[in-house]
N, C-alpha and C. Protein backbone atom coordinates (compact mmCIF):
# COMPACT_ATOMS: atom_id res chain seq x y z
N MET A 1 79.26 98.89 109.79
CA MET A 1 78.78 100.07 110.52
C MET A 1 79.95 100.70 111.28
N SER A 2 80.02 102.02 111.27
CA SER A 2 81.13 102.71 111.91
C SER A 2 81.06 102.53 113.42
N SER A 3 82.24 102.40 114.03
CA SER A 3 82.32 102.30 115.48
C SER A 3 82.52 103.66 116.14
N TYR A 4 82.55 104.71 115.34
CA TYR A 4 82.79 106.05 115.87
C TYR A 4 81.66 106.48 116.80
N THR A 5 82.03 107.03 117.95
CA THR A 5 81.04 107.56 118.89
C THR A 5 81.27 109.04 119.17
N GLY A 6 82.51 109.51 119.04
CA GLY A 6 82.84 110.89 119.39
C GLY A 6 83.05 111.10 120.86
N ASP A 7 83.07 110.04 121.64
CA ASP A 7 83.27 110.14 123.09
C ASP A 7 84.76 109.97 123.38
N VAL A 8 85.48 111.09 123.54
CA VAL A 8 86.92 111.07 123.76
C VAL A 8 87.24 111.77 125.07
N GLN A 9 88.39 111.43 125.63
CA GLN A 9 88.81 112.01 126.90
C GLN A 9 90.19 112.65 126.72
N ALA A 10 90.42 113.78 127.39
CA ALA A 10 91.72 114.42 127.33
C ALA A 10 92.80 113.45 127.79
N GLY A 11 93.87 113.34 127.02
CA GLY A 11 94.93 112.40 127.31
C GLY A 11 94.71 111.03 126.71
N GLY A 12 93.54 110.78 126.20
CA GLY A 12 93.22 109.49 125.59
C GLY A 12 93.39 109.52 124.09
N PRO A 13 93.10 108.40 123.44
CA PRO A 13 93.28 108.31 121.98
C PRO A 13 92.21 109.06 121.22
N ALA A 14 92.51 109.32 119.97
CA ALA A 14 91.53 109.92 119.07
C ALA A 14 90.46 108.89 118.71
N ASP A 15 89.29 109.38 118.38
CA ASP A 15 88.25 108.55 117.79
C ASP A 15 88.20 108.90 116.31
N VAL A 16 88.11 107.88 115.47
CA VAL A 16 88.27 108.07 114.04
C VAL A 16 87.03 107.59 113.30
N ARG A 17 86.55 108.45 112.41
CA ARG A 17 85.40 108.10 111.55
C ARG A 17 85.88 108.11 110.11
N ASP A 18 85.59 107.03 109.40
CA ASP A 18 85.97 106.92 107.99
C ASP A 18 84.75 107.12 107.11
N LEU A 19 84.77 108.19 106.34
CA LEU A 19 83.78 108.42 105.29
C LEU A 19 84.42 108.05 103.95
N PRO A 20 83.63 107.87 102.92
CA PRO A 20 84.22 107.59 101.61
C PRO A 20 85.18 108.71 101.18
N GLY A 21 86.47 108.44 101.20
CA GLY A 21 87.46 109.41 100.76
C GLY A 21 87.89 110.42 101.80
N LEU A 22 87.31 110.38 102.99
CA LEU A 22 87.64 111.38 104.01
C LEU A 22 87.65 110.71 105.39
N THR A 23 88.72 111.01 106.15
CA THR A 23 88.82 110.52 107.52
C THR A 23 88.69 111.68 108.48
N ILE A 24 87.86 111.52 109.49
CA ILE A 24 87.66 112.53 110.53
C ILE A 24 88.20 111.96 111.84
N SER A 25 89.17 112.65 112.44
CA SER A 25 89.75 112.21 113.71
C SER A 25 89.46 113.27 114.76
N LYS A 26 88.92 112.83 115.89
CA LYS A 26 88.58 113.73 117.00
C LYS A 26 89.48 113.44 118.18
N LEU A 27 90.12 114.47 118.72
CA LEU A 27 91.04 114.33 119.85
C LEU A 27 90.68 115.38 120.90
N ALA A 28 90.62 114.96 122.18
CA ALA A 28 90.41 115.90 123.27
C ALA A 28 91.75 116.25 123.91
N VAL A 29 91.96 117.53 124.15
CA VAL A 29 93.23 118.00 124.72
C VAL A 29 92.95 119.01 125.83
N SER A 30 93.87 119.11 126.76
CA SER A 30 93.95 120.16 127.78
C SER A 30 92.99 119.91 128.94
N GLU A 31 93.24 120.71 130.00
CA GLU A 31 92.38 120.65 131.18
C GLU A 31 90.97 121.15 130.90
N MET A 32 90.78 121.80 129.76
CA MET A 32 89.46 122.27 129.35
C MET A 32 88.74 121.24 128.48
N ALA A 33 89.39 120.12 128.22
CA ALA A 33 88.83 119.06 127.37
C ALA A 33 88.32 119.63 126.04
N ASN A 34 89.21 120.39 125.39
CA ASN A 34 88.87 120.93 124.07
C ASN A 34 88.95 119.83 123.03
N ASN A 35 88.05 119.90 122.07
CA ASN A 35 88.10 118.98 120.95
C ASN A 35 88.84 119.61 119.77
N ALA A 36 89.76 118.84 119.20
CA ALA A 36 90.43 119.21 117.94
C ALA A 36 90.05 118.15 116.92
N TYR A 37 89.82 118.58 115.69
CA TYR A 37 89.36 117.67 114.65
C TYR A 37 90.29 117.75 113.44
N LEU A 38 90.78 116.60 113.00
CA LEU A 38 91.59 116.54 111.79
C LEU A 38 90.77 115.88 110.69
N LEU A 39 90.61 116.60 109.58
CA LEU A 39 89.94 116.07 108.40
C LEU A 39 91.00 115.80 107.35
N ARG A 40 91.02 114.56 106.84
CA ARG A 40 92.05 114.19 105.88
C ARG A 40 91.42 113.55 104.65
N ASP A 41 91.72 114.13 103.49
CA ASP A 41 91.34 113.54 102.22
C ASP A 41 92.24 112.34 101.97
N THR A 42 91.67 111.15 101.93
CA THR A 42 92.49 109.94 101.85
C THR A 42 93.10 109.71 100.48
N THR A 43 92.63 110.42 99.47
CA THR A 43 93.22 110.29 98.14
C THR A 43 94.46 111.16 98.01
N SER A 44 94.34 112.41 98.39
CA SER A 44 95.45 113.35 98.22
C SER A 44 96.37 113.42 99.43
N GLY A 45 95.86 113.06 100.60
CA GLY A 45 96.61 113.24 101.84
C GLY A 45 96.51 114.62 102.43
N ASP A 46 95.80 115.53 101.73
CA ASP A 46 95.61 116.88 102.24
C ASP A 46 94.77 116.84 103.52
N ALA A 47 95.09 117.73 104.45
CA ALA A 47 94.38 117.72 105.72
C ALA A 47 94.05 119.14 106.18
N LEU A 48 93.02 119.21 107.02
CA LEU A 48 92.57 120.46 107.63
C LEU A 48 92.34 120.18 109.10
N LEU A 49 92.82 121.08 109.96
CA LEU A 49 92.65 120.95 111.40
C LEU A 49 91.68 122.02 111.89
N ILE A 50 90.70 121.61 112.68
CA ILE A 50 89.77 122.53 113.29
C ILE A 50 90.15 122.69 114.76
N ASP A 51 90.58 123.87 115.13
CA ASP A 51 90.95 124.25 116.49
C ASP A 51 92.22 123.55 117.01
N ALA A 52 93.34 124.23 116.85
CA ALA A 52 94.62 123.77 117.43
C ALA A 52 94.62 124.23 118.89
N ALA A 53 93.84 123.54 119.70
CA ALA A 53 93.47 124.05 121.02
C ALA A 53 94.61 124.03 122.03
N ALA A 54 95.35 122.94 122.12
CA ALA A 54 96.40 122.78 123.12
C ALA A 54 97.17 121.51 122.81
N ASP A 55 98.25 121.28 123.60
CA ASP A 55 99.06 120.06 123.50
C ASP A 55 99.58 119.85 122.07
N PRO A 56 100.52 120.71 121.66
CA PRO A 56 101.01 120.63 120.28
C PRO A 56 101.62 119.28 119.94
N GLU A 57 102.26 118.61 120.90
CA GLU A 57 102.82 117.30 120.60
C GLU A 57 101.73 116.31 120.22
N ALA A 58 100.64 116.31 120.96
CA ALA A 58 99.54 115.41 120.64
C ALA A 58 98.92 115.76 119.29
N LEU A 59 98.84 117.03 118.98
CA LEU A 59 98.28 117.42 117.69
C LEU A 59 99.20 117.05 116.54
N ARG A 60 100.51 117.21 116.75
CA ARG A 60 101.44 116.81 115.69
C ARG A 60 101.37 115.30 115.47
N ALA A 61 101.19 114.53 116.54
CA ALA A 61 101.03 113.08 116.40
C ALA A 61 99.73 112.75 115.66
N LEU A 62 98.69 113.50 115.95
CA LEU A 62 97.41 113.31 115.25
C LEU A 62 97.57 113.59 113.76
N ILE A 63 98.28 114.65 113.44
CA ILE A 63 98.49 115.02 112.04
C ILE A 63 99.35 113.98 111.32
N GLY A 64 100.37 113.47 112.01
CA GLY A 64 101.21 112.43 111.43
C GLY A 64 101.80 112.83 110.10
N ASP A 65 101.64 111.97 109.09
CA ASP A 65 102.22 112.25 107.78
C ASP A 65 101.25 112.95 106.84
N ALA A 66 100.12 113.39 107.37
CA ALA A 66 99.18 114.14 106.53
C ALA A 66 99.78 115.48 106.13
N ASP A 67 99.37 115.97 104.99
CA ASP A 67 99.82 117.27 104.49
C ASP A 67 98.84 118.33 104.98
N LEU A 68 99.14 118.87 106.17
CA LEU A 68 98.23 119.84 106.77
C LEU A 68 98.32 121.16 106.02
N ARG A 69 97.26 121.50 105.32
CA ARG A 69 97.23 122.71 104.51
C ARG A 69 96.59 123.89 105.24
N THR A 70 95.64 123.59 106.17
CA THR A 70 94.80 124.64 106.73
C THR A 70 94.52 124.36 108.20
N VAL A 71 94.54 125.40 109.02
CA VAL A 71 94.03 125.32 110.39
C VAL A 71 92.94 126.37 110.54
N VAL A 72 91.72 125.91 110.82
CA VAL A 72 90.59 126.81 111.04
C VAL A 72 90.36 126.94 112.54
N THR A 73 90.27 128.16 113.02
CA THR A 73 89.94 128.42 114.42
C THR A 73 88.49 128.87 114.49
N THR A 74 87.68 128.15 115.27
CA THR A 74 86.24 128.42 115.28
C THR A 74 85.88 129.73 115.96
N HIS A 75 86.72 130.17 116.91
CA HIS A 75 86.47 131.46 117.56
C HIS A 75 87.71 131.85 118.36
N GLY A 76 87.70 133.07 118.88
CA GLY A 76 88.91 133.65 119.42
C GLY A 76 89.26 133.33 120.85
N HIS A 77 88.47 132.54 121.54
CA HIS A 77 88.78 132.25 122.94
C HIS A 77 90.08 131.48 123.09
N TRP A 78 90.85 131.84 124.11
CA TRP A 78 92.22 131.37 124.28
C TRP A 78 92.34 129.85 124.30
N ASP A 79 91.35 129.16 124.84
CA ASP A 79 91.49 127.70 124.98
C ASP A 79 91.36 126.96 123.67
N HIS A 80 91.01 127.66 122.60
CA HIS A 80 90.86 127.00 121.30
C HIS A 80 92.04 127.24 120.35
N HIS A 81 93.06 127.97 120.81
CA HIS A 81 94.16 128.24 119.88
C HIS A 81 95.53 128.27 120.54
N ARG A 82 95.66 127.67 121.71
CA ARG A 82 96.94 127.74 122.41
C ARG A 82 98.07 127.04 121.66
N ALA A 83 97.74 126.00 120.90
CA ALA A 83 98.78 125.27 120.16
C ALA A 83 98.94 125.78 118.73
N LEU A 84 98.20 126.80 118.37
CA LEU A 84 98.24 127.27 116.99
C LEU A 84 99.63 127.71 116.54
N PRO A 85 100.38 128.49 117.34
CA PRO A 85 101.71 128.88 116.87
C PRO A 85 102.61 127.68 116.60
N ASP A 86 102.59 126.68 117.46
CA ASP A 86 103.45 125.50 117.28
C ASP A 86 103.05 124.70 116.05
N VAL A 87 101.75 124.51 115.87
CA VAL A 87 101.28 123.72 114.72
C VAL A 87 101.60 124.42 113.42
N VAL A 88 101.40 125.73 113.38
CA VAL A 88 101.69 126.47 112.14
C VAL A 88 103.18 126.46 111.85
N GLU A 89 103.99 126.63 112.87
CA GLU A 89 105.44 126.61 112.66
C GLU A 89 105.90 125.26 112.14
N ALA A 90 105.31 124.19 112.66
CA ALA A 90 105.73 122.84 112.27
C ALA A 90 105.25 122.44 110.88
N THR A 91 104.12 122.99 110.45
CA THR A 91 103.50 122.51 109.21
C THR A 91 103.44 123.53 108.09
N GLY A 92 103.51 124.81 108.43
CA GLY A 92 103.33 125.84 107.41
C GLY A 92 101.90 125.99 106.95
N ALA A 93 100.95 125.45 107.70
CA ALA A 93 99.54 125.51 107.31
C ALA A 93 99.02 126.94 107.31
N GLU A 94 98.06 127.20 106.44
CA GLU A 94 97.39 128.50 106.38
C GLU A 94 96.43 128.63 107.55
N THR A 95 96.41 129.80 108.18
CA THR A 95 95.51 130.06 109.30
C THR A 95 94.25 130.75 108.79
N VAL A 96 93.11 130.26 109.29
CA VAL A 96 91.81 130.75 108.85
C VAL A 96 90.95 131.04 110.07
N ALA A 97 90.27 132.19 110.09
CA ALA A 97 89.33 132.53 111.15
C ALA A 97 88.41 133.64 110.63
N HIS A 98 87.32 133.87 111.35
CA HIS A 98 86.45 134.98 111.00
C HIS A 98 87.16 136.29 111.31
N ALA A 99 86.89 137.28 110.51
CA ALA A 99 87.57 138.58 110.66
C ALA A 99 87.32 139.19 112.04
N ALA A 100 86.14 138.99 112.62
CA ALA A 100 85.82 139.63 113.89
C ALA A 100 86.62 139.05 115.05
N ASP A 101 87.06 137.81 114.95
CA ASP A 101 87.83 137.18 116.03
C ASP A 101 89.31 137.06 115.70
N ALA A 102 89.70 137.36 114.48
CA ALA A 102 91.09 137.20 114.06
C ALA A 102 92.08 137.93 114.96
N PRO A 103 91.78 139.15 115.44
CA PRO A 103 92.75 139.84 116.29
C PRO A 103 93.03 139.14 117.61
N ASP A 104 92.16 138.22 118.03
CA ASP A 104 92.35 137.53 119.30
C ASP A 104 93.27 136.32 119.20
N LEU A 105 93.66 135.95 117.99
CA LEU A 105 94.50 134.77 117.81
C LEU A 105 95.97 135.11 118.03
N PRO A 106 96.78 134.12 118.44
CA PRO A 106 98.18 134.39 118.76
C PRO A 106 99.11 134.43 117.55
N VAL A 107 98.59 134.19 116.37
CA VAL A 107 99.36 134.31 115.13
C VAL A 107 98.54 135.13 114.14
N ALA A 108 99.20 135.61 113.11
CA ALA A 108 98.49 136.34 112.07
C ALA A 108 97.55 135.40 111.34
N VAL A 109 96.34 135.85 111.10
CA VAL A 109 95.37 135.07 110.33
C VAL A 109 95.58 135.38 108.86
N GLN A 110 95.97 134.38 108.11
CA GLN A 110 96.30 134.60 106.71
C GLN A 110 95.07 134.72 105.83
N ARG A 111 93.97 134.10 106.25
CA ARG A 111 92.74 134.22 105.47
C ARG A 111 91.57 134.41 106.43
N THR A 112 90.90 135.54 106.32
CA THR A 112 89.69 135.76 107.09
C THR A 112 88.49 135.35 106.25
N VAL A 113 87.50 134.77 106.94
CA VAL A 113 86.31 134.28 106.25
C VAL A 113 85.06 134.86 106.90
N GLY A 114 83.98 134.85 106.13
CA GLY A 114 82.69 135.31 106.61
C GLY A 114 81.61 134.32 106.24
N HIS A 115 80.39 134.65 106.62
CA HIS A 115 79.25 133.76 106.39
C HIS A 115 79.09 133.46 104.90
N GLY A 116 79.00 132.17 104.57
CA GLY A 116 78.83 131.76 103.19
C GLY A 116 80.11 131.48 102.43
N ASP A 117 81.25 131.83 103.02
CA ASP A 117 82.53 131.47 102.40
C ASP A 117 82.76 129.97 102.52
N THR A 118 83.79 129.48 101.86
CA THR A 118 84.11 128.06 101.92
C THR A 118 85.60 127.86 102.18
N VAL A 119 85.90 126.72 102.77
CA VAL A 119 87.28 126.25 102.87
C VAL A 119 87.30 124.83 102.34
N THR A 120 88.46 124.39 101.89
CA THR A 120 88.54 123.07 101.27
C THR A 120 89.60 122.21 101.95
N VAL A 121 89.37 120.92 101.86
CA VAL A 121 90.37 119.93 102.25
C VAL A 121 90.35 118.86 101.17
N GLY A 122 91.40 118.85 100.36
CA GLY A 122 91.41 117.94 99.22
C GLY A 122 90.24 118.24 98.30
N ALA A 123 89.44 117.21 98.02
CA ALA A 123 88.30 117.35 97.12
C ALA A 123 87.04 117.80 97.84
N TYR A 124 87.13 118.06 99.13
CA TYR A 124 85.94 118.35 99.92
C TYR A 124 85.84 119.83 100.26
N THR A 125 84.62 120.33 100.27
CA THR A 125 84.35 121.74 100.54
C THR A 125 83.50 121.87 101.80
N LEU A 126 83.91 122.77 102.68
CA LEU A 126 83.15 123.07 103.89
C LEU A 126 82.66 124.50 103.82
N GLU A 127 81.39 124.68 104.17
CA GLU A 127 80.77 126.00 104.16
C GLU A 127 80.93 126.66 105.52
N VAL A 128 81.31 127.93 105.51
CA VAL A 128 81.44 128.70 106.74
C VAL A 128 80.08 129.28 107.12
N VAL A 129 79.68 129.04 108.37
CA VAL A 129 78.43 129.59 108.90
C VAL A 129 78.77 130.48 110.09
N HIS A 130 78.45 131.75 110.00
CA HIS A 130 78.73 132.71 111.06
C HIS A 130 77.62 132.62 112.11
N LEU A 131 78.00 132.36 113.35
CA LEU A 131 77.06 132.22 114.46
C LEU A 131 77.42 133.26 115.51
N ARG A 132 76.71 134.35 115.55
CA ARG A 132 77.07 135.50 116.37
C ARG A 132 76.49 135.38 117.79
N GLY A 133 77.36 135.50 118.80
CA GLY A 133 76.85 135.50 120.15
C GLY A 133 77.83 135.00 121.18
N HIS A 134 78.36 133.79 121.00
CA HIS A 134 79.38 133.32 121.94
C HIS A 134 80.60 134.22 121.87
N THR A 135 81.02 134.52 120.64
CA THR A 135 81.95 135.60 120.35
C THR A 135 81.44 136.29 119.09
N PRO A 136 81.93 137.49 118.78
CA PRO A 136 81.46 138.16 117.56
C PRO A 136 81.76 137.39 116.28
N GLY A 137 82.88 136.63 116.28
CA GLY A 137 83.30 135.97 115.06
C GLY A 137 83.26 134.45 115.11
N SER A 138 82.40 133.89 115.95
CA SER A 138 82.29 132.42 116.00
C SER A 138 81.76 131.88 114.68
N ILE A 139 82.33 130.76 114.25
CA ILE A 139 81.87 130.13 113.01
C ILE A 139 81.67 128.64 113.23
N ALA A 140 80.82 128.07 112.38
CA ALA A 140 80.70 126.63 112.23
C ALA A 140 81.13 126.28 110.82
N LEU A 141 81.44 125.01 110.63
CA LEU A 141 81.82 124.51 109.30
C LEU A 141 80.90 123.36 108.94
N VAL A 142 80.28 123.44 107.76
CA VAL A 142 79.32 122.43 107.32
C VAL A 142 79.89 121.67 106.14
N LEU A 143 79.89 120.35 106.27
CA LEU A 143 80.31 119.46 105.19
C LEU A 143 79.08 118.69 104.72
N ARG A 144 78.75 118.86 103.46
CA ARG A 144 77.67 118.09 102.84
C ARG A 144 78.32 117.01 102.00
N ALA A 145 78.57 115.87 102.65
CA ALA A 145 79.35 114.82 102.00
C ALA A 145 78.54 114.05 100.97
N GLY A 146 77.22 114.03 101.11
CA GLY A 146 76.36 113.39 100.13
C GLY A 146 76.28 111.88 100.31
N GLY A 147 75.24 111.30 99.74
CA GLY A 147 75.07 109.86 99.79
C GLY A 147 74.98 109.34 101.21
N ASP A 148 75.56 108.17 101.40
CA ASP A 148 75.53 107.55 102.73
C ASP A 148 76.41 108.30 103.74
N ALA A 149 77.31 109.14 103.25
CA ALA A 149 78.22 109.86 104.15
C ALA A 149 77.49 110.94 104.94
N GLY A 150 76.42 111.49 104.40
CA GLY A 150 75.59 112.43 105.12
C GLY A 150 76.20 113.81 105.29
N ASP A 151 75.59 114.58 106.18
CA ASP A 151 76.02 115.95 106.47
C ASP A 151 76.65 116.02 107.85
N HIS A 152 77.61 116.94 107.99
CA HIS A 152 78.38 117.06 109.22
C HIS A 152 78.61 118.54 109.50
N VAL A 153 78.58 118.92 110.80
CA VAL A 153 78.83 120.32 111.15
C VAL A 153 79.69 120.39 112.41
N TRP A 154 80.73 121.21 112.32
CA TRP A 154 81.61 121.49 113.46
C TRP A 154 81.21 122.85 114.00
N THR A 155 80.81 122.88 115.27
CA THR A 155 80.13 124.06 115.80
C THR A 155 80.93 124.88 116.80
N GLY A 156 82.18 124.51 117.08
CA GLY A 156 82.94 125.26 118.07
C GLY A 156 82.19 125.30 119.39
N ASP A 157 82.11 126.49 119.99
CA ASP A 157 81.38 126.63 121.26
C ASP A 157 80.01 127.27 121.06
N SER A 158 79.44 127.14 119.87
CA SER A 158 78.14 127.75 119.60
C SER A 158 76.97 126.80 119.77
N LEU A 159 77.20 125.49 119.65
CA LEU A 159 76.13 124.51 119.82
C LEU A 159 76.72 123.25 120.42
N PHE A 160 76.06 122.78 121.49
CA PHE A 160 76.45 121.57 122.20
C PHE A 160 75.23 120.67 122.39
N PRO A 161 75.43 119.43 122.81
CA PRO A 161 74.29 118.66 123.29
C PRO A 161 73.63 119.40 124.46
N GLY A 162 72.38 119.75 124.31
CA GLY A 162 71.67 120.40 125.41
C GLY A 162 71.60 121.91 125.36
N GLY A 163 72.18 122.54 124.35
CA GLY A 163 72.03 123.99 124.29
C GLY A 163 73.08 124.69 123.47
N VAL A 164 72.94 126.00 123.41
CA VAL A 164 73.89 126.84 122.69
C VAL A 164 75.02 127.24 123.63
N GLY A 165 76.01 127.91 123.09
CA GLY A 165 77.18 128.30 123.86
C GLY A 165 76.90 129.38 124.88
N ASN A 166 77.88 129.61 125.74
CA ASN A 166 77.76 130.57 126.83
C ASN A 166 77.75 132.00 126.29
N THR A 167 76.74 132.75 126.67
CA THR A 167 76.68 134.17 126.30
C THR A 167 76.71 135.07 127.53
N GLN A 168 77.23 134.56 128.64
CA GLN A 168 77.44 135.33 129.87
C GLN A 168 76.18 136.06 130.35
N GLN A 169 75.04 135.40 130.19
CA GLN A 169 73.75 135.94 130.66
C GLN A 169 73.42 137.29 130.04
N ASP A 170 73.95 137.52 128.85
CA ASP A 170 73.64 138.74 128.11
C ASP A 170 72.46 138.45 127.19
N PRO A 171 71.29 139.05 127.43
CA PRO A 171 70.11 138.72 126.63
C PRO A 171 70.28 138.98 125.13
N GLN A 172 70.97 140.04 124.79
CA GLN A 172 71.16 140.36 123.38
C GLN A 172 72.07 139.34 122.71
N ARG A 173 73.14 138.96 123.39
CA ARG A 173 74.04 137.96 122.81
C ARG A 173 73.33 136.62 122.70
N PHE A 174 72.56 136.25 123.71
CA PHE A 174 71.83 134.99 123.64
C PHE A 174 70.84 134.99 122.49
N ALA A 175 70.08 136.08 122.35
CA ALA A 175 69.10 136.16 121.27
C ALA A 175 69.78 136.04 119.91
N SER A 176 70.93 136.69 119.77
CA SER A 176 71.67 136.61 118.52
C SER A 176 72.11 135.18 118.22
N LEU A 177 72.65 134.51 119.24
CA LEU A 177 73.16 133.16 119.03
C LEU A 177 72.04 132.18 118.77
N ILE A 178 70.99 132.20 119.56
CA ILE A 178 69.91 131.24 119.35
C ILE A 178 69.24 131.46 118.00
N ASP A 179 69.12 132.72 117.58
CA ASP A 179 68.55 133.00 116.26
C ASP A 179 69.43 132.44 115.15
N ASP A 180 70.73 132.69 115.24
CA ASP A 180 71.63 132.20 114.21
C ASP A 180 71.66 130.68 114.18
N VAL A 181 71.74 130.05 115.35
CA VAL A 181 71.77 128.59 115.40
C VAL A 181 70.49 128.01 114.81
N GLU A 182 69.35 128.61 115.14
CA GLU A 182 68.09 128.09 114.60
C GLU A 182 67.99 128.29 113.10
N HIS A 183 68.25 129.52 112.64
CA HIS A 183 68.01 129.82 111.23
C HIS A 183 69.11 129.34 110.31
N ARG A 184 70.35 129.34 110.80
CA ARG A 184 71.47 129.00 109.92
C ARG A 184 71.91 127.54 110.03
N LEU A 185 71.46 126.85 111.07
CA LEU A 185 71.77 125.43 111.21
C LEU A 185 70.49 124.58 111.17
N PHE A 186 69.62 124.75 112.16
CA PHE A 186 68.44 123.87 112.27
C PHE A 186 67.48 124.03 111.09
N ASP A 187 67.37 125.24 110.55
CA ASP A 187 66.43 125.44 109.44
C ASP A 187 66.93 124.88 108.12
N VAL A 188 68.22 124.59 108.02
CA VAL A 188 68.78 124.18 106.72
C VAL A 188 69.41 122.79 106.74
N LEU A 189 69.68 122.24 107.91
CA LEU A 189 70.34 120.94 107.98
C LEU A 189 69.36 119.85 108.38
N PRO A 190 69.47 118.68 107.77
CA PRO A 190 68.55 117.59 108.12
C PRO A 190 68.86 117.00 109.49
N ASP A 191 67.89 116.28 110.04
CA ASP A 191 68.03 115.72 111.38
C ASP A 191 69.23 114.80 111.52
N GLU A 192 69.63 114.13 110.45
CA GLU A 192 70.72 113.17 110.52
C GLU A 192 72.09 113.83 110.59
N THR A 193 72.14 115.15 110.44
CA THR A 193 73.43 115.86 110.45
C THR A 193 74.14 115.64 111.78
N TRP A 194 75.41 115.22 111.69
CA TRP A 194 76.21 114.96 112.88
C TRP A 194 76.85 116.26 113.35
N VAL A 195 76.77 116.52 114.65
CA VAL A 195 77.28 117.77 115.24
C VAL A 195 78.52 117.47 116.06
N TYR A 196 79.63 118.13 115.72
CA TYR A 196 80.90 117.99 116.42
C TYR A 196 81.20 119.29 117.16
N PRO A 197 81.03 119.32 118.49
CA PRO A 197 81.22 120.57 119.24
C PRO A 197 82.66 120.79 119.69
N GLY A 198 82.89 121.96 120.27
CA GLY A 198 84.22 122.33 120.72
C GLY A 198 84.67 121.68 122.00
N HIS A 199 83.74 121.14 122.77
CA HIS A 199 84.03 120.39 123.99
C HIS A 199 83.02 119.26 124.08
N GLY A 200 83.41 118.16 124.69
CA GLY A 200 82.46 117.13 125.04
C GLY A 200 81.99 116.26 123.90
N LYS A 201 80.87 115.58 124.16
CA LYS A 201 80.35 114.58 123.23
C LYS A 201 79.66 115.21 122.03
N ASP A 202 79.55 114.41 120.99
CA ASP A 202 78.85 114.82 119.77
C ASP A 202 77.34 114.66 119.96
N THR A 203 76.60 115.15 118.98
CA THR A 203 75.16 114.96 118.95
C THR A 203 74.70 115.01 117.49
N THR A 204 73.40 115.11 117.28
CA THR A 204 72.87 115.30 115.93
C THR A 204 71.87 116.44 115.96
N ILE A 205 71.62 117.01 114.80
CA ILE A 205 70.62 118.07 114.69
C ILE A 205 69.25 117.55 115.14
N GLY A 206 68.91 116.33 114.75
CA GLY A 206 67.61 115.78 115.12
C GLY A 206 67.44 115.57 116.60
N THR A 207 68.53 115.22 117.29
CA THR A 207 68.46 115.02 118.74
C THR A 207 68.16 116.33 119.45
N GLU A 208 68.73 117.42 118.97
CA GLU A 208 68.60 118.71 119.65
C GLU A 208 67.39 119.51 119.19
N ARG A 209 66.89 119.25 118.00
CA ARG A 209 65.83 120.09 117.43
C ARG A 209 64.60 120.24 118.34
N PRO A 210 64.12 119.19 118.99
CA PRO A 210 62.91 119.34 119.81
C PRO A 210 63.08 120.28 120.99
N HIS A 211 64.30 120.66 121.33
CA HIS A 211 64.56 121.43 122.54
C HIS A 211 64.77 122.92 122.29
N LEU A 212 64.68 123.35 121.03
CA LEU A 212 64.94 124.76 120.73
C LEU A 212 64.05 125.71 121.52
N ALA A 213 62.76 125.41 121.58
CA ALA A 213 61.85 126.29 122.31
C ALA A 213 62.19 126.31 123.80
N GLU A 214 62.58 125.17 124.33
CA GLU A 214 63.00 125.09 125.74
C GLU A 214 64.21 125.98 125.99
N TRP A 215 65.19 125.94 125.09
CA TRP A 215 66.39 126.77 125.25
C TRP A 215 66.02 128.25 125.23
N ARG A 216 65.12 128.62 124.30
CA ARG A 216 64.71 130.03 124.23
C ARG A 216 64.05 130.46 125.54
N ALA A 217 63.20 129.60 126.04
CA ALA A 217 62.44 129.95 127.25
C ALA A 217 63.35 130.12 128.47
N ARG A 218 64.38 129.31 128.57
CA ARG A 218 65.26 129.41 129.74
C ARG A 218 66.30 130.51 129.59
N GLY A 219 66.58 130.93 128.35
CA GLY A 219 67.49 132.05 128.11
C GLY A 219 68.95 131.72 128.11
N TRP A 220 69.28 130.42 127.97
CA TRP A 220 70.67 130.02 127.85
C TRP A 220 70.77 128.66 127.19
């Protein structure tokens, strides 16, 4: 049984989950306790980084000898891409983000993606899910690993344990985000799906599902 919990602290070690053929490493960085995730295909050595948030030295150590091909930025907020220029310069990785948030990044986005597009890491494919509200171009990435490996989703700042992301008390933005999270994540992903957020601890779709109506009622 895996010892992975997803409970990491800024300045502390990464937590590592081993799936068949794929390793997921979670590292917390910066005073904002941002989560960065490295996905590595153990056969090819190809890797993908989700959110080069801060502390480029720590991220380069996390990457190690992996062949980092891609860095996906989940959304345009500054705390999720401060190390992006350093990581890209060191690795030559392709930068990926949603078109609506791409102008907010500190480097040119080489590939813009939209809802339903895919990105790959080695033999694995992740589906892009556009979640509108926290920012116009926030995205999640869904991995359907199959078998005992299950389903996994990286949600940036759009879904956390206990609620959706901050929409600055804007009713329209909140309605947009809660609708997208419900219809594009909860309506299509099974309860066992593991949720990796942009800050803090992980959760599962099943843990959060009973609270959707509560979140709607409170408006955040």
